[in-house]
Structures are given as C-alpha cells and as structure tokens.
Amino acid sequence: MAVKIEKWVAAQKKHKLSDKHVQMVRELGLNPDKLGKIDNHKQETWKAPLPQ
C-alpha cells in the first residue's frame, strides 16, 4: 500500500498537481505511471496542459 502512495506523491511533485487533482485522478482509477502520456501538450498541441 505504501508503494502506491509513494508513486502518487512522486507523480504529484513531477506534474505539479494539487491534492484535489490527485484525489480526482485516483478516484478515476488512473495509473500514476501513465500521467506523462496525459501531460504531453508540447507535442500534441490540441491537449490542454495540466495545471501549473
């Protein structure tokens, strides 16, 4: 269980997410390792950037 939380903390720091964003993403069942694909707005300009 602690490993899952550590992954979310690392993803939160890497992508500059708030606690509320992490809570929503976890409730949706997304994988913290896959958030880099979501935050790909520099290559795919049609995607909105994650909050700064």
N, C-alpha and C. Protein backbone atom coordinates (compact mmCIF):
# COMPACT_ATOMS: atom_id res chain seq x y z
N MET A 1 0.83 -1.20 0.00
CA MET A 1 0.00 0.00 0.00
C MET A 1 0.87 1.26 0.00
N ALA A 2 1.95 1.25 0.75
CA ALA A 2 2.82 2.42 0.83
C ALA A 2 3.48 2.73 -0.51
N VAL A 3 3.75 1.70 -1.29
CA VAL A 3 4.38 1.91 -2.60
C VAL A 3 3.44 2.68 -3.52
N LYS A 4 2.15 2.37 -3.46
CA LYS A 4 1.18 3.08 -4.30
C LYS A 4 1.12 4.56 -3.91
N ILE A 5 1.14 4.82 -2.62
CA ILE A 5 1.08 6.21 -2.15
C ILE A 5 2.35 6.95 -2.56
N GLU A 6 3.50 6.29 -2.46
CA GLU A 6 4.76 6.92 -2.86
C GLU A 6 4.75 7.27 -4.35
N LYS A 7 4.15 6.41 -5.17
CA LYS A 7 4.06 6.70 -6.61
C LYS A 7 3.20 7.93 -6.85
N TRP A 8 2.10 8.06 -6.10
CA TRP A 8 1.23 9.22 -6.27
C TRP A 8 1.91 10.49 -5.80
N VAL A 9 2.68 10.42 -4.71
CA VAL A 9 3.41 11.59 -4.22
C VAL A 9 4.44 12.03 -5.25
N ALA A 10 5.15 11.07 -5.83
CA ALA A 10 6.14 11.39 -6.86
C ALA A 10 5.48 12.01 -8.09
N ALA A 11 4.35 11.45 -8.51
CA ALA A 11 3.63 11.99 -9.67
C ALA A 11 3.10 13.39 -9.37
N GLN A 12 2.66 13.60 -8.14
CA GLN A 12 2.15 14.92 -7.75
C GLN A 12 3.25 15.97 -7.84
N LYS A 13 4.44 15.63 -7.38
CA LYS A 13 5.56 16.58 -7.44
C LYS A 13 6.01 16.79 -8.88
N LYS A 14 6.10 15.72 -9.65
CA LYS A 14 6.59 15.80 -11.02
C LYS A 14 5.68 16.64 -11.91
N HIS A 15 4.38 16.46 -11.76
CA HIS A 15 3.41 17.14 -12.62
C HIS A 15 2.77 18.35 -11.96
N LYS A 16 3.24 18.70 -10.76
CA LYS A 16 2.76 19.88 -10.02
C LYS A 16 1.24 19.86 -9.84
N LEU A 17 0.74 18.76 -9.30
CA LEU A 17 -0.69 18.60 -9.08
C LEU A 17 -1.05 18.93 -7.64
N SER A 18 -2.25 19.43 -7.44
CA SER A 18 -2.72 19.70 -6.09
C SER A 18 -3.26 18.40 -5.48
N ASP A 19 -3.52 18.43 -4.19
CA ASP A 19 -4.08 17.26 -3.52
C ASP A 19 -5.44 16.90 -4.11
N LYS A 20 -6.21 17.92 -4.45
CA LYS A 20 -7.54 17.70 -5.03
C LYS A 20 -7.43 17.00 -6.39
N HIS A 21 -6.45 17.41 -7.20
CA HIS A 21 -6.26 16.77 -8.50
C HIS A 21 -5.88 15.31 -8.34
N VAL A 22 -4.99 15.04 -7.40
CA VAL A 22 -4.56 13.65 -7.17
C VAL A 22 -5.75 12.82 -6.70
N GLN A 23 -6.57 13.38 -5.84
CA GLN A 23 -7.75 12.66 -5.35
C GLN A 23 -8.69 12.32 -6.51
N MET A 24 -8.93 13.28 -7.40
CA MET A 24 -9.82 13.03 -8.53
C MET A 24 -9.25 11.96 -9.46
N VAL A 25 -7.95 12.04 -9.73
CA VAL A 25 -7.31 11.08 -10.63
C VAL A 25 -7.35 9.68 -10.03
N ARG A 26 -7.12 9.58 -8.73
CA ARG A 26 -7.16 8.27 -8.07
C ARG A 26 -8.57 7.69 -8.11
N GLU A 27 -9.59 8.55 -7.91
CA GLU A 27 -10.97 8.09 -7.95
C GLU A 27 -11.35 7.59 -9.35
N LEU A 28 -10.74 8.18 -10.37
CA LEU A 28 -10.99 7.73 -11.74
C LEU A 28 -10.26 6.44 -12.06
N GLY A 29 -9.33 6.06 -11.20
CA GLY A 29 -8.62 4.80 -11.38
C GLY A 29 -7.45 4.88 -12.33
N LEU A 30 -6.91 6.08 -12.54
CA LEU A 30 -5.77 6.23 -13.44
C LEU A 30 -4.49 5.78 -12.75
N ASN A 31 -3.51 5.42 -13.56
CA ASN A 31 -2.23 4.93 -13.09
C ASN A 31 -1.26 6.10 -13.00
N PRO A 32 -0.57 6.30 -11.86
CA PRO A 32 0.36 7.43 -11.75
C PRO A 32 1.52 7.34 -12.73
N ASP A 33 1.87 6.14 -13.16
CA ASP A 33 2.96 5.97 -14.11
C ASP A 33 2.58 6.43 -15.52
N LYS A 34 1.28 6.53 -15.80
CA LYS A 34 0.80 6.89 -17.13
C LYS A 34 0.48 8.38 -17.26
N LEU A 35 0.67 9.16 -16.21
CA LEU A 35 0.32 10.57 -16.27
C LEU A 35 1.18 11.34 -17.27
N GLY A 36 2.36 10.88 -17.57
CA GLY A 36 3.21 11.53 -18.55
C GLY A 36 2.58 11.55 -19.93
N LYS A 37 1.81 10.53 -20.25
CA LYS A 37 1.12 10.48 -21.54
C LYS A 37 0.02 11.54 -21.60
N ILE A 38 -0.60 11.79 -20.47
CA ILE A 38 -1.66 12.79 -20.42
C ILE A 38 -1.06 14.19 -20.53
N ASP A 39 0.09 14.39 -19.90
CA ASP A 39 0.75 15.70 -19.88
C ASP A 39 1.71 15.82 -21.06
N ASN A 40 1.19 15.66 -22.26
CA ASN A 40 2.01 15.67 -23.46
C ASN A 40 1.60 16.82 -24.37
N HIS A 41 1.29 17.98 -23.78
CA HIS A 41 0.74 19.08 -24.54
C HIS A 41 1.75 19.79 -25.43
N LYS A 42 3.05 19.58 -25.22
CA LYS A 42 4.05 20.25 -26.06
C LYS A 42 4.12 19.59 -27.44
N GLN A 43 3.93 18.28 -27.50
CA GLN A 43 3.95 17.58 -28.78
C GLN A 43 2.57 17.53 -29.42
N GLU A 44 1.56 17.45 -28.62
CA GLU A 44 0.19 17.38 -29.12
C GLU A 44 -0.54 18.63 -28.64
N THR A 45 -0.49 19.67 -29.44
CA THR A 45 -0.97 20.98 -29.00
C THR A 45 -2.47 21.04 -28.76
N TRP A 46 -3.21 20.08 -29.24
CA TRP A 46 -4.65 20.09 -29.01
C TRP A 46 -4.99 19.68 -27.58
N LYS A 47 -4.04 19.09 -26.86
CA LYS A 47 -4.28 18.72 -25.46
C LYS A 47 -4.05 19.93 -24.57
N ALA A 48 -4.93 20.10 -23.62
CA ALA A 48 -4.75 21.19 -22.65
C ALA A 48 -3.67 20.80 -21.65
N PRO A 49 -2.82 21.74 -21.25
CA PRO A 49 -1.77 21.41 -20.28
C PRO A 49 -2.36 21.14 -18.91
N LEU A 50 -1.66 20.31 -18.13
CA LEU A 50 -2.04 20.11 -16.74
C LEU A 50 -1.77 21.40 -15.99
N PRO A 51 -2.48 21.65 -14.88
CA PRO A 51 -2.29 22.91 -14.16
C PRO A 51 -0.85 23.10 -13.70
N GLN A 52 -0.41 24.33 -13.72
CA GLN A 52 0.97 24.65 -13.33
C GLN A 52 1.07 24.91 -11.86
